[in-house]
Amino acid sequence: MEEYSNGLIIFISALIPTLITLWLNERVKGSVKNSFDEKLAQFQIELNHLKTKENFKFTKLHEKRLVVLEKTYHFIYESLELLKDYVQPFKFIPEGTTFEEGERILSDKFTDKHLEFHKYFNYNIIYFDDSIENLLNSYFDQMAEIYITYDTDQSNLMENPQPEQGISLNSKQAHTLIHEKLKPLKRQIEINFRKLLGE
């Protein structure tokens, strides 16, 4: 019986350190798991905060881009209408104004709007992708070319008056160029704007 008691004591003595080791291992595992869970939760909170911040920035950027697109389209429309007014063969000339003064007024209105548009575009170029930027630059170039050609021809006609058909011819040529060059560019810009707007 004594042998049994001694064996039991030896067994229990050997078992206690093993149990203590197992218990300590479980405590350490639990502590590590809790620490890991806390860090994971903190990481998730920080990640969600960053996502919210980025979404806010993206929303603000998109809102600003929509404003720029809207204003740009207004400039496209207004400058085109002013150019068409200037190249009309029969212009509305304010009462008490000579034809030459009326021409200058219409010319100045167009050039002022064109320069304002170009300045706005340069300030906001960051909101346009390469495709739209190139289209708008082409639009500016074609518009300026039509204006300069018509304006130069008109100035020459006023210095060396010719039959009325000369003025009409300049006007017809300018209108042809508007339809052949500016209208297709305007259409391409509209298509690209609609893509950006999600249509």
N, C-alpha and C. Protein backbone atom coordinates (compact mmCIF):
# COMPACT_ATOMS: atom_id res chain seq x y z
N MET A 1 0.83 -1.19 0.00
CA MET A 1 0.00 0.00 0.00
C MET A 1 0.88 1.25 0.00
N GLU A 2 1.97 1.10 0.70
CA GLU A 2 2.89 2.23 0.76
C GLU A 2 3.46 2.54 -0.63
N GLU A 3 3.71 1.45 -1.37
CA GLU A 3 4.22 1.63 -2.73
C GLU A 3 3.19 2.38 -3.56
N TYR A 4 1.93 2.02 -3.35
CA TYR A 4 0.84 2.68 -4.09
C TYR A 4 0.80 4.15 -3.74
N SER A 5 0.93 4.47 -2.44
CA SER A 5 0.93 5.85 -1.98
C SER A 5 2.11 6.61 -2.56
N ASN A 6 3.26 5.98 -2.53
CA ASN A 6 4.45 6.65 -3.07
C ASN A 6 4.28 6.88 -4.58
N GLY A 7 3.72 5.91 -5.27
CA GLY A 7 3.50 6.04 -6.73
C GLY A 7 2.51 7.17 -7.02
N LEU A 8 1.48 7.22 -6.17
CA LEU A 8 0.48 8.27 -6.35
C LEU A 8 1.10 9.63 -6.10
N ILE A 9 1.93 9.74 -5.08
CA ILE A 9 2.57 11.02 -4.76
C ILE A 9 3.50 11.42 -5.91
N ILE A 10 4.25 10.46 -6.43
CA ILE A 10 5.16 10.75 -7.55
C ILE A 10 4.34 11.20 -8.77
N PHE A 11 3.24 10.47 -9.00
CA PHE A 11 2.38 10.80 -10.15
C PHE A 11 1.80 12.21 -10.02
N ILE A 12 1.29 12.52 -8.82
CA ILE A 12 0.70 13.83 -8.57
C ILE A 12 1.78 14.90 -8.66
N SER A 13 2.97 14.60 -8.13
CA SER A 13 4.08 15.54 -8.18
C SER A 13 4.47 15.84 -9.63
N ALA A 14 4.42 14.82 -10.46
CA ALA A 14 4.77 15.01 -11.86
C ALA A 14 3.63 15.72 -12.60
N LEU A 15 2.41 15.43 -12.16
CA LEU A 15 1.23 15.99 -12.84
C LEU A 15 1.05 17.48 -12.53
N ILE A 16 1.36 17.89 -11.32
CA ILE A 16 1.13 19.29 -10.92
C ILE A 16 1.93 20.25 -11.81
N PRO A 17 3.23 20.06 -12.03
CA PRO A 17 3.95 20.99 -12.91
C PRO A 17 3.36 21.00 -14.34
N THR A 18 2.94 19.82 -14.81
CA THR A 18 2.35 19.75 -16.15
C THR A 18 1.06 20.53 -16.18
N LEU A 19 0.22 20.37 -15.15
CA LEU A 19 -1.04 21.12 -15.09
C LEU A 19 -0.78 22.62 -14.98
N ILE A 20 0.21 22.96 -14.16
CA ILE A 20 0.55 24.38 -14.02
C ILE A 20 1.02 24.93 -15.36
N THR A 21 1.86 24.16 -16.06
CA THR A 21 2.36 24.57 -17.37
C THR A 21 1.20 24.73 -18.35
N LEU A 22 0.29 23.77 -18.37
CA LEU A 22 -0.89 23.86 -19.25
C LEU A 22 -1.74 25.09 -18.90
N TRP A 23 -1.93 25.28 -17.59
CA TRP A 23 -2.74 26.43 -17.16
C TRP A 23 -2.08 27.74 -17.58
N LEU A 24 -0.75 27.83 -17.37
CA LEU A 24 -0.02 29.04 -17.76
C LEU A 24 -0.08 29.26 -19.28
N ASN A 25 0.07 28.15 -20.03
CA ASN A 25 -0.02 28.26 -21.50
C ASN A 25 -1.39 28.81 -21.93
N GLU A 26 -2.44 28.31 -21.31
CA GLU A 26 -3.79 28.77 -21.64
C GLU A 26 -3.97 30.23 -21.27
N ARG A 27 -3.41 30.63 -20.11
CA ARG A 27 -3.49 32.04 -19.69
C ARG A 27 -2.75 32.94 -20.69
N VAL A 28 -1.56 32.49 -21.10
CA VAL A 28 -0.77 33.28 -22.05
C VAL A 28 -1.51 33.35 -23.39
N LYS A 29 -2.04 32.20 -23.86
CA LYS A 29 -2.80 32.19 -25.11
C LYS A 29 -3.99 33.13 -25.04
N GLY A 30 -4.72 33.08 -23.91
CA GLY A 30 -5.87 33.96 -23.72
C GLY A 30 -5.46 35.42 -23.72
N SER A 31 -4.34 35.72 -23.06
CA SER A 31 -3.85 37.09 -22.99
C SER A 31 -3.42 37.58 -24.37
N VAL A 32 -2.70 36.72 -25.08
CA VAL A 32 -2.26 37.07 -26.44
C VAL A 32 -3.47 37.27 -27.34
N LYS A 33 -4.46 36.36 -27.25
CA LYS A 33 -5.67 36.46 -28.08
C LYS A 33 -6.41 37.77 -27.77
N ASN A 34 -6.56 38.08 -26.48
CA ASN A 34 -7.24 39.34 -26.10
C ASN A 34 -6.49 40.55 -26.65
N SER A 35 -5.16 40.53 -26.51
CA SER A 35 -4.36 41.64 -27.01
C SER A 35 -4.50 41.74 -28.54
N PHE A 36 -4.44 40.59 -29.21
CA PHE A 36 -4.59 40.57 -30.67
C PHE A 36 -5.98 41.08 -31.08
N ASP A 37 -7.02 40.60 -30.38
CA ASP A 37 -8.39 41.06 -30.69
C ASP A 37 -8.54 42.56 -30.50
N GLU A 38 -7.93 43.10 -29.44
CA GLU A 38 -7.99 44.55 -29.19
C GLU A 38 -7.29 45.32 -30.30
N LYS A 39 -6.09 44.83 -30.70
CA LYS A 39 -5.35 45.50 -31.77
C LYS A 39 -6.10 45.40 -33.10
N LEU A 40 -6.71 44.25 -33.35
CA LEU A 40 -7.48 44.06 -34.58
C LEU A 40 -8.68 45.01 -34.60
N ALA A 41 -9.36 45.13 -33.48
CA ALA A 41 -10.51 46.05 -33.38
C ALA A 41 -10.06 47.49 -33.60
N GLN A 42 -8.92 47.87 -32.99
CA GLN A 42 -8.39 49.22 -33.16
C GLN A 42 -8.02 49.48 -34.62
N PHE A 43 -7.40 48.47 -35.24
CA PHE A 43 -7.02 48.58 -36.65
C PHE A 43 -8.28 48.75 -37.51
N GLN A 44 -9.32 48.00 -37.22
CA GLN A 44 -10.58 48.10 -37.97
C GLN A 44 -11.20 49.49 -37.81
N ILE A 45 -11.14 50.04 -36.61
CA ILE A 45 -11.66 51.39 -36.35
C ILE A 45 -10.87 52.41 -37.18
N GLU A 46 -9.54 52.30 -37.15
CA GLU A 46 -8.69 53.23 -37.90
C GLU A 46 -8.93 53.10 -39.41
N LEU A 47 -9.08 51.86 -39.87
CA LEU A 47 -9.35 51.62 -41.29
C LEU A 47 -10.68 52.23 -41.71
N ASN A 48 -11.69 52.03 -40.89
CA ASN A 48 -13.01 52.63 -41.19
C ASN A 48 -12.93 54.16 -41.19
N HIS A 49 -12.15 54.71 -40.26
CA HIS A 49 -11.97 56.17 -40.20
C HIS A 49 -11.31 56.68 -41.49
N LEU A 50 -10.26 55.96 -41.94
CA LEU A 50 -9.57 56.35 -43.17
C LEU A 50 -10.51 56.25 -44.38
N LYS A 51 -11.30 55.17 -44.43
CA LYS A 51 -12.25 55.01 -45.53
C LYS A 51 -13.25 56.16 -45.54
N THR A 52 -13.76 56.51 -44.37
CA THR A 52 -14.73 57.60 -44.27
C THR A 52 -14.09 58.91 -44.73
N LYS A 53 -12.84 59.13 -44.30
CA LYS A 53 -12.13 60.35 -44.67
C LYS A 53 -11.90 60.40 -46.18
N GLU A 54 -11.48 59.28 -46.77
CA GLU A 54 -11.26 59.22 -48.22
C GLU A 54 -12.56 59.39 -48.99
N ASN A 55 -13.63 58.76 -48.50
CA ASN A 55 -14.94 58.92 -49.15
C ASN A 55 -15.39 60.38 -49.11
N PHE A 56 -15.14 61.03 -47.99
CA PHE A 56 -15.50 62.44 -47.86
C PHE A 56 -14.71 63.28 -48.86
N LYS A 57 -13.38 63.01 -48.94
CA LYS A 57 -12.54 63.74 -49.88
C LYS A 57 -13.01 63.51 -51.31
N PHE A 58 -13.30 62.23 -51.64
CA PHE A 58 -13.74 61.90 -52.99
C PHE A 58 -15.06 62.60 -53.30
N THR A 59 -15.98 62.61 -52.34
CA THR A 59 -17.27 63.26 -52.55
C THR A 59 -17.07 64.75 -52.78
N LYS A 60 -16.24 65.39 -51.96
CA LYS A 60 -15.98 66.82 -52.13
C LYS A 60 -15.32 67.10 -53.49
N LEU A 61 -14.35 66.26 -53.86
CA LEU A 61 -13.67 66.42 -55.14
C LEU A 61 -14.66 66.25 -56.29
N HIS A 62 -15.53 65.26 -56.18
CA HIS A 62 -16.52 65.01 -57.23
C HIS A 62 -17.51 66.17 -57.32
N GLU A 63 -17.91 66.70 -56.18
CA GLU A 63 -18.82 67.85 -56.17
C GLU A 63 -18.17 69.05 -56.87
N LYS A 64 -16.90 69.30 -56.56
CA LYS A 64 -16.18 70.41 -57.18
C LYS A 64 -16.06 70.18 -58.69
N ARG A 65 -15.77 68.94 -59.06
CA ARG A 65 -15.64 68.61 -60.49
C ARG A 65 -16.95 68.86 -61.23
N LEU A 66 -18.07 68.53 -60.60
CA LEU A 66 -19.37 68.77 -61.23
C LEU A 66 -19.61 70.26 -61.44
N VAL A 67 -19.21 71.07 -60.46
CA VAL A 67 -19.36 72.53 -60.58
C VAL A 67 -18.50 73.04 -61.74
N VAL A 68 -17.26 72.53 -61.83
CA VAL A 68 -16.35 72.95 -62.91
C VAL A 68 -16.91 72.54 -64.27
N LEU A 69 -17.43 71.32 -64.37
CA LEU A 69 -18.02 70.87 -65.64
C LEU A 69 -19.20 71.75 -66.04
N GLU A 70 -20.05 72.05 -65.07
CA GLU A 70 -21.23 72.88 -65.36
C GLU A 70 -20.80 74.27 -65.85
N LYS A 71 -19.87 74.89 -65.14
CA LYS A 71 -19.44 76.24 -65.52
C LYS A 71 -18.71 76.20 -66.87
N THR A 72 -17.92 75.18 -67.09
CA THR A 72 -17.21 75.04 -68.36
C THR A 72 -18.20 74.94 -69.51
N TYR A 73 -19.27 74.16 -69.31
CA TYR A 73 -20.25 74.02 -70.38
C TYR A 73 -20.95 75.36 -70.65
N HIS A 74 -21.21 76.13 -69.61
CA HIS A 74 -21.79 77.48 -69.80
C HIS A 74 -20.85 78.34 -70.65
N PHE A 75 -19.56 78.26 -70.35
CA PHE A 75 -18.58 79.03 -71.13
C PHE A 75 -18.58 78.58 -72.59
N ILE A 76 -18.63 77.27 -72.81
CA ILE A 76 -18.65 76.74 -74.19
C ILE A 76 -19.84 77.33 -74.94
N TYR A 77 -21.00 77.25 -74.32
CA TYR A 77 -22.23 77.74 -74.97
C TYR A 77 -22.18 79.26 -75.19
N GLU A 78 -21.82 80.00 -74.15
CA GLU A 78 -21.82 81.47 -74.25
C GLU A 78 -20.81 81.97 -75.28
N SER A 79 -19.60 81.42 -75.26
CA SER A 79 -18.58 81.89 -76.20
C SER A 79 -18.97 81.54 -77.64
N LEU A 80 -19.57 80.38 -77.85
CA LEU A 80 -20.00 80.00 -79.20
C LEU A 80 -21.11 80.94 -79.69
N GLU A 81 -22.05 81.26 -78.83
CA GLU A 81 -23.14 82.17 -79.22
C GLU A 81 -22.61 83.56 -79.54
N LEU A 82 -21.63 84.03 -78.74
CA LEU A 82 -21.05 85.35 -79.00
C LEU A 82 -20.25 85.37 -80.31
N LEU A 83 -19.57 84.27 -80.60
CA LEU A 83 -18.85 84.19 -81.88
C LEU A 83 -19.84 84.21 -83.04
N LYS A 84 -20.94 83.44 -82.91
CA LYS A 84 -21.95 83.43 -83.97
C LYS A 84 -22.57 84.82 -84.14
N ASP A 85 -22.83 85.51 -83.04
CA ASP A 85 -23.36 86.88 -83.13
C ASP A 85 -22.40 87.78 -83.90
N TYR A 86 -21.10 87.63 -83.62
CA TYR A 86 -20.11 88.49 -84.26
C TYR A 86 -20.01 88.24 -85.76
N VAL A 87 -20.13 86.98 -86.18
CA VAL A 87 -19.95 86.67 -87.61
C VAL A 87 -21.26 86.72 -88.40
N GLN A 88 -22.37 87.11 -87.77
CA GLN A 88 -23.64 87.24 -88.48
C GLN A 88 -23.52 88.30 -89.58
N PRO A 89 -24.11 88.03 -90.76
CA PRO A 89 -24.03 89.04 -91.81
C PRO A 89 -24.87 90.28 -91.48
N PHE A 90 -26.01 90.10 -90.84
CA PHE A 90 -26.87 91.23 -90.49
C PHE A 90 -26.96 91.29 -88.98
N LYS A 91 -26.14 92.13 -88.41
CA LYS A 91 -26.03 92.21 -86.95
C LYS A 91 -27.01 93.23 -86.39
N PHE A 92 -27.34 93.01 -85.14
CA PHE A 92 -28.13 94.01 -84.42
C PHE A 92 -27.15 95.06 -83.94
N ILE A 93 -27.26 96.23 -84.48
CA ILE A 93 -26.39 97.33 -84.09
C ILE A 93 -27.22 98.30 -83.25
N PRO A 94 -26.78 98.56 -82.01
CA PRO A 94 -27.54 99.48 -81.15
C PRO A 94 -27.75 100.84 -81.82
N GLU A 95 -28.89 101.42 -81.56
CA GLU A 95 -29.23 102.73 -82.14
C GLU A 95 -28.17 103.75 -81.75
N GLY A 96 -27.83 104.59 -82.72
CA GLY A 96 -26.84 105.62 -82.46
C GLY A 96 -25.41 105.10 -82.57
N THR A 97 -25.25 103.87 -83.09
CA THR A 97 -23.93 103.26 -83.21
C THR A 97 -23.67 102.97 -84.69
N THR A 98 -22.46 103.26 -85.12
CA THR A 98 -22.12 102.94 -86.51
C THR A 98 -21.90 101.43 -86.63
N PHE A 99 -21.87 100.95 -87.90
CA PHE A 99 -21.63 99.53 -88.15
C PHE A 99 -20.29 99.11 -87.56
N GLU A 100 -19.27 99.95 -87.78
CA GLU A 100 -17.93 99.64 -87.28
C GLU A 100 -17.91 99.56 -85.74
N GLU A 101 -18.61 100.49 -85.09
CA GLU A 101 -18.68 100.46 -83.61
C GLU A 101 -19.41 99.21 -83.14
N GLY A 102 -20.50 98.87 -83.84
CA GLY A 102 -21.24 97.65 -83.49
C GLY A 102 -20.38 96.41 -83.63
N GLU A 103 -19.61 96.37 -84.73
CA GLU A 103 -18.68 95.25 -84.94
C GLU A 103 -17.69 95.15 -83.78
N ARG A 104 -17.15 96.30 -83.37
CA ARG A 104 -16.17 96.31 -82.29
C ARG A 104 -16.79 95.85 -80.98
N ILE A 105 -18.02 96.28 -80.72
CA ILE A 105 -18.71 95.87 -79.48
C ILE A 105 -18.87 94.36 -79.45
N LEU A 106 -19.35 93.78 -80.57
CA LEU A 106 -19.54 92.32 -80.65
C LEU A 106 -18.21 91.58 -80.56
N SER A 107 -17.20 92.14 -81.20
CA SER A 107 -15.86 91.54 -81.14
C SER A 107 -15.34 91.54 -79.71
N ASP A 108 -15.50 92.66 -79.02
CA ASP A 108 -15.02 92.77 -77.64
C ASP A 108 -15.77 91.82 -76.71
N LYS A 109 -17.08 91.69 -76.93
CA LYS A 109 -17.85 90.76 -76.08
C LYS A 109 -17.33 89.34 -76.23
N PHE A 110 -17.07 88.96 -77.48
CA PHE A 110 -16.56 87.60 -77.71
C PHE A 110 -15.18 87.43 -77.09
N THR A 111 -14.27 88.36 -77.37
CA THR A 111 -12.90 88.20 -76.87
C THR A 111 -12.85 88.21 -75.35
N ASP A 112 -13.66 89.04 -74.72
CA ASP A 112 -13.71 89.06 -73.25
C ASP A 112 -14.16 87.70 -72.70
N LYS A 113 -15.22 87.15 -73.29
CA LYS A 113 -15.75 85.85 -72.83
C LYS A 113 -14.74 84.74 -73.11
N HIS A 114 -14.12 84.78 -74.29
CA HIS A 114 -13.14 83.77 -74.67
C HIS A 114 -11.96 83.77 -73.70
N LEU A 115 -11.47 84.96 -73.37
CA LEU A 115 -10.34 85.06 -72.43
C LEU A 115 -10.74 84.62 -71.02
N GLU A 116 -11.95 84.98 -70.62
CA GLU A 116 -12.46 84.56 -69.29
C GLU A 116 -12.56 83.03 -69.23
N PHE A 117 -13.07 82.45 -70.30
CA PHE A 117 -13.20 80.99 -70.40
C PHE A 117 -11.82 80.33 -70.33
N HIS A 118 -10.88 80.84 -71.10
CA HIS A 118 -9.54 80.25 -71.13
C HIS A 118 -8.87 80.35 -69.76
N LYS A 119 -9.05 81.46 -69.09
CA LYS A 119 -8.48 81.65 -67.75
C LYS A 119 -9.12 80.65 -66.76
N TYR A 120 -10.43 80.50 -66.82
CA TYR A 120 -11.13 79.56 -65.95
C TYR A 120 -10.64 78.13 -66.20
N PHE A 121 -10.49 77.79 -67.47
CA PHE A 121 -9.99 76.46 -67.83
C PHE A 121 -8.61 76.22 -67.24
N ASN A 122 -7.71 77.19 -67.39
CA ASN A 122 -6.35 77.03 -66.86
C ASN A 122 -6.34 76.88 -65.34
N TYR A 123 -7.20 77.61 -64.64
CA TYR A 123 -7.27 77.50 -63.17
C TYR A 123 -7.82 76.15 -62.72
N ASN A 124 -8.65 75.53 -63.56
CA ASN A 124 -9.34 74.30 -63.16
C ASN A 124 -8.94 73.08 -63.98
N ILE A 125 -7.82 73.15 -64.65
CA ILE A 125 -7.40 72.08 -65.55
C ILE A 125 -7.26 70.73 -64.85
N ILE A 126 -6.98 70.75 -63.56
CA ILE A 126 -6.80 69.53 -62.77
C ILE A 126 -8.05 68.65 -62.75
N TYR A 127 -9.21 69.24 -62.97
CA TYR A 127 -10.47 68.49 -62.91
C TYR A 127 -10.81 67.78 -64.22
N PHE A 128 -10.00 68.00 -65.26
CA PHE A 128 -10.26 67.38 -66.55
C PHE A 128 -9.27 66.25 -66.82
N ASP A 129 -9.75 65.17 -67.41
CA ASP A 129 -8.82 64.12 -67.82
C ASP A 129 -8.14 64.57 -69.12
N ASP A 130 -7.15 63.80 -69.57
CA ASP A 130 -6.37 64.19 -70.75
C ASP A 130 -7.24 64.36 -71.99
N SER A 131 -8.20 63.48 -72.14
CA SER A 131 -9.08 63.53 -73.32
C SER A 131 -9.85 64.85 -73.39
N ILE A 132 -10.47 65.23 -72.27
CA ILE A 132 -11.25 66.48 -72.24
C ILE A 132 -10.32 67.68 -72.35
N GLU A 133 -9.19 67.61 -71.69
CA GLU A 133 -8.22 68.72 -71.77
C GLU A 133 -7.83 68.97 -73.24
N ASN A 134 -7.54 67.89 -73.97
CA ASN A 134 -7.16 68.02 -75.38
C ASN A 134 -8.30 68.56 -76.22
N LEU A 135 -9.52 68.08 -75.96
CA LEU A 135 -10.69 68.57 -76.70
C LEU A 135 -10.90 70.07 -76.46
N LEU A 136 -10.79 70.48 -75.20
CA LEU A 136 -10.98 71.90 -74.88
C LEU A 136 -9.88 72.77 -75.49
N ASN A 137 -8.65 72.28 -75.48
CA ASN A 137 -7.57 73.04 -76.12
C ASN A 137 -7.82 73.17 -77.62
N SER A 138 -8.30 72.11 -78.26
CA SER A 138 -8.65 72.17 -79.68
C SER A 138 -9.79 73.15 -79.91
N TYR A 139 -10.75 73.13 -79.01
CA TYR A 139 -11.90 74.04 -79.11
C TYR A 139 -11.42 75.50 -79.05
N PHE A 140 -10.53 75.80 -78.09
CA PHE A 140 -9.98 77.16 -77.98
C PHE A 140 -9.25 77.55 -79.27
N ASP A 141 -8.42 76.62 -79.76
CA ASP A 141 -7.63 76.92 -80.95
C ASP A 141 -8.51 77.18 -82.16
N GLN A 142 -9.51 76.32 -82.38
CA GLN A 142 -10.40 76.48 -83.54
C GLN A 142 -11.22 77.76 -83.43
N MET A 143 -11.70 78.03 -82.22
CA MET A 143 -12.49 79.23 -82.01
C MET A 143 -11.66 80.48 -82.28
N ALA A 144 -10.44 80.49 -81.78
CA ALA A 144 -9.55 81.64 -81.99
C ALA A 144 -9.22 81.79 -83.47
N GLU A 145 -8.99 80.68 -84.15
CA GLU A 145 -8.66 80.73 -85.57
C GLU A 145 -9.82 81.30 -86.39
N ILE A 146 -11.04 80.85 -86.11
CA ILE A 146 -12.22 81.37 -86.82
C ILE A 146 -12.39 82.86 -86.54
N TYR A 147 -12.25 83.24 -85.29
CA TYR A 147 -12.39 84.65 -84.91
C TYR A 147 -11.35 85.51 -85.62
N ILE A 148 -10.09 85.10 -85.53
CA ILE A 148 -9.00 85.91 -86.10
C ILE A 148 -9.15 86.03 -87.61
N THR A 149 -9.49 84.92 -88.28
CA THR A 149 -9.68 84.97 -89.74
C THR A 149 -10.80 85.92 -90.11
N TYR A 150 -11.94 85.79 -89.44
CA TYR A 150 -13.08 86.67 -89.74
C TYR A 150 -12.75 88.12 -89.40
N ASP A 151 -12.18 88.34 -88.24
CA ASP A 151 -11.87 89.70 -87.78
C ASP A 151 -10.88 90.39 -88.72
N THR A 152 -9.86 89.65 -89.14
CA THR A 152 -8.86 90.21 -90.06
C THR A 152 -9.50 90.56 -91.39
N ASP A 153 -10.33 89.64 -91.92
CA ASP A 153 -11.00 89.89 -93.20
C ASP A 153 -11.94 91.10 -93.08
N GLN A 154 -12.66 91.19 -91.98
CA GLN A 154 -13.58 92.32 -91.78
C GLN A 154 -12.81 93.64 -91.71
N SER A 155 -11.70 93.63 -91.01
CA SER A 155 -10.88 94.85 -90.90
C SER A 155 -10.37 95.27 -92.27
N ASN A 156 -9.94 94.30 -93.06
CA ASN A 156 -9.46 94.61 -94.41
C ASN A 156 -10.59 95.16 -95.28
N LEU A 157 -11.79 94.59 -95.14
CA LEU A 157 -12.93 95.07 -95.93
C LEU A 157 -13.32 96.49 -95.55
N MET A 158 -13.22 96.80 -94.26
CA MET A 158 -13.59 98.14 -93.81
C MET A 158 -12.58 99.17 -94.29
N GLU A 159 -11.32 98.76 -94.38
CA GLU A 159 -10.29 99.68 -94.88
C GLU A 159 -10.40 99.84 -96.39
N ASN A 160 -10.77 98.76 -97.08
CA ASN A 160 -10.92 98.77 -98.54
C ASN A 160 -12.33 98.30 -98.89
N PRO A 161 -13.33 99.16 -98.74
CA PRO A 161 -14.72 98.74 -98.95
C PRO A 161 -14.92 98.10 -100.34
N GLN A 162 -15.69 96.99 -100.31
CA GLN A 162 -16.05 96.26 -101.52
C GLN A 162 -17.54 96.05 -101.49
N PRO A 163 -18.08 95.44 -102.51
CA PRO A 163 -19.53 95.19 -102.51
C PRO A 163 -19.93 94.38 -101.28
N GLU A 164 -21.19 94.49 -100.90
CA GLU A 164 -21.74 93.82 -99.71
C GLU A 164 -21.46 92.32 -99.70
N GLN A 165 -21.34 91.71 -100.89
CA GLN A 165 -21.14 90.27 -100.92
C GLN A 165 -19.84 89.87 -100.22
N GLY A 166 -18.85 90.78 -100.17
CA GLY A 166 -17.61 90.46 -99.47
C GLY A 166 -17.85 90.21 -98.00
N ILE A 167 -18.67 91.03 -97.37
CA ILE A 167 -19.00 90.87 -95.96
C ILE A 167 -19.79 89.58 -95.77
N SER A 168 -20.75 89.34 -96.66
CA SER A 168 -21.55 88.12 -96.56
C SER A 168 -20.69 86.89 -96.75
N LEU A 169 -19.73 86.98 -97.67
CA LEU A 169 -18.85 85.84 -97.93
C LEU A 169 -18.04 85.51 -96.69
N ASN A 170 -17.49 86.51 -96.04
CA ASN A 170 -16.73 86.28 -94.80
C ASN A 170 -17.61 85.60 -93.76
N SER A 171 -18.83 86.08 -93.66
CA SER A 171 -19.77 85.54 -92.69
C SER A 171 -20.09 84.08 -93.01
N LYS A 172 -20.32 83.78 -94.29
CA LYS A 172 -20.62 82.39 -94.69
C LYS A 172 -19.45 81.47 -94.39
N GLN A 173 -18.24 81.93 -94.69
CA GLN A 173 -17.06 81.12 -94.41
C GLN A 173 -16.92 80.85 -92.91
N ALA A 174 -17.14 81.88 -92.11
CA ALA A 174 -17.04 81.72 -90.65
C ALA A 174 -18.09 80.73 -90.15
N HIS A 175 -19.33 80.86 -90.65
CA HIS A 175 -20.39 79.93 -90.23
C HIS A 175 -20.09 78.50 -90.66
N THR A 176 -19.52 78.35 -91.84
CA THR A 176 -19.14 77.01 -92.33
C THR A 176 -18.09 76.41 -91.39
N LEU A 177 -17.10 77.21 -91.02
CA LEU A 177 -16.05 76.71 -90.12
C LEU A 177 -16.62 76.36 -88.74
N ILE A 178 -17.57 77.16 -88.27
CA ILE A 178 -18.21 76.86 -86.99
C ILE A 178 -18.89 75.49 -87.06
N HIS A 179 -19.61 75.23 -88.14
CA HIS A 179 -20.33 73.95 -88.28
C HIS A 179 -19.38 72.79 -88.53
N GLU A 180 -18.31 73.04 -89.28
CA GLU A 180 -17.39 71.95 -89.61
C GLU A 180 -16.39 71.64 -88.50
N LYS A 181 -15.99 72.66 -87.76
CA LYS A 181 -14.92 72.45 -86.78
C LYS A 181 -15.38 72.54 -85.33
N LEU A 182 -16.13 73.59 -85.01
CA LEU A 182 -16.50 73.79 -83.60
C LEU A 182 -17.63 72.86 -83.14
N LYS A 183 -18.65 72.70 -83.98
CA LYS A 183 -19.79 71.87 -83.57
C LYS A 183 -19.37 70.42 -83.25
N PRO A 184 -18.55 69.77 -84.10
CA PRO A 184 -18.11 68.41 -83.76
C PRO A 184 -17.30 68.35 -82.46
N LEU A 185 -16.44 69.35 -82.24
CA LEU A 185 -15.66 69.39 -80.99
C LEU A 185 -16.59 69.55 -79.79
N LYS A 186 -17.56 70.44 -79.94
CA LYS A 186 -18.54 70.66 -78.85
C LYS A 186 -19.27 69.36 -78.54
N ARG A 187 -19.63 68.62 -79.58
CA ARG A 187 -20.34 67.35 -79.39
C ARG A 187 -19.46 66.34 -78.65
N GLN A 188 -18.19 66.26 -79.02
CA GLN A 188 -17.26 65.34 -78.34
C GLN A 188 -17.09 65.71 -76.87
N ILE A 189 -17.02 67.00 -76.60
CA ILE A 189 -16.91 67.47 -75.20
C ILE A 189 -18.15 67.06 -74.42
N GLU A 190 -19.32 67.23 -75.02
CA GLU A 190 -20.57 66.85 -74.36
C GLU A 190 -20.59 65.36 -74.05
N ILE A 191 -20.15 64.53 -75.00
CA ILE A 191 -20.12 63.07 -74.79
C ILE A 191 -19.20 62.73 -73.62
N ASN A 192 -18.02 63.34 -73.58
CA ASN A 192 -17.07 63.09 -72.49
C ASN A 192 -17.59 63.58 -71.15
N PHE A 193 -18.27 64.73 -71.15
CA PHE A 193 -18.86 65.24 -69.90
C PHE A 193 -19.91 64.27 -69.39
N ARG A 194 -20.74 63.76 -70.29
CA ARG A 194 -21.79 62.81 -69.87
C ARG A 194 -21.20 61.54 -69.27
N LYS A 195 -20.08 61.09 -69.84
CA LYS A 195 -19.40 59.90 -69.28
C LYS A 195 -18.98 60.19 -67.84
N LEU A 196 -18.41 61.37 -67.62
CA LEU A 196 -17.98 61.73 -66.26
C LEU A 196 -19.16 61.84 -65.30
N LEU A 197 -20.30 62.25 -65.83
CA LEU A 197 -21.48 62.39 -64.99
C LEU A 197 -22.19 61.05 -64.76
N GLY A 198 -21.66 59.99 -65.39
CA GLY A 198 -22.18 58.66 -65.13
C GLY A 198 -23.33 58.25 -66.02
N GLU A 199 -23.47 58.89 -67.16
CA GLU A 199 -24.58 58.50 -68.07
C GLU A 199 -24.18 57.28 -68.83
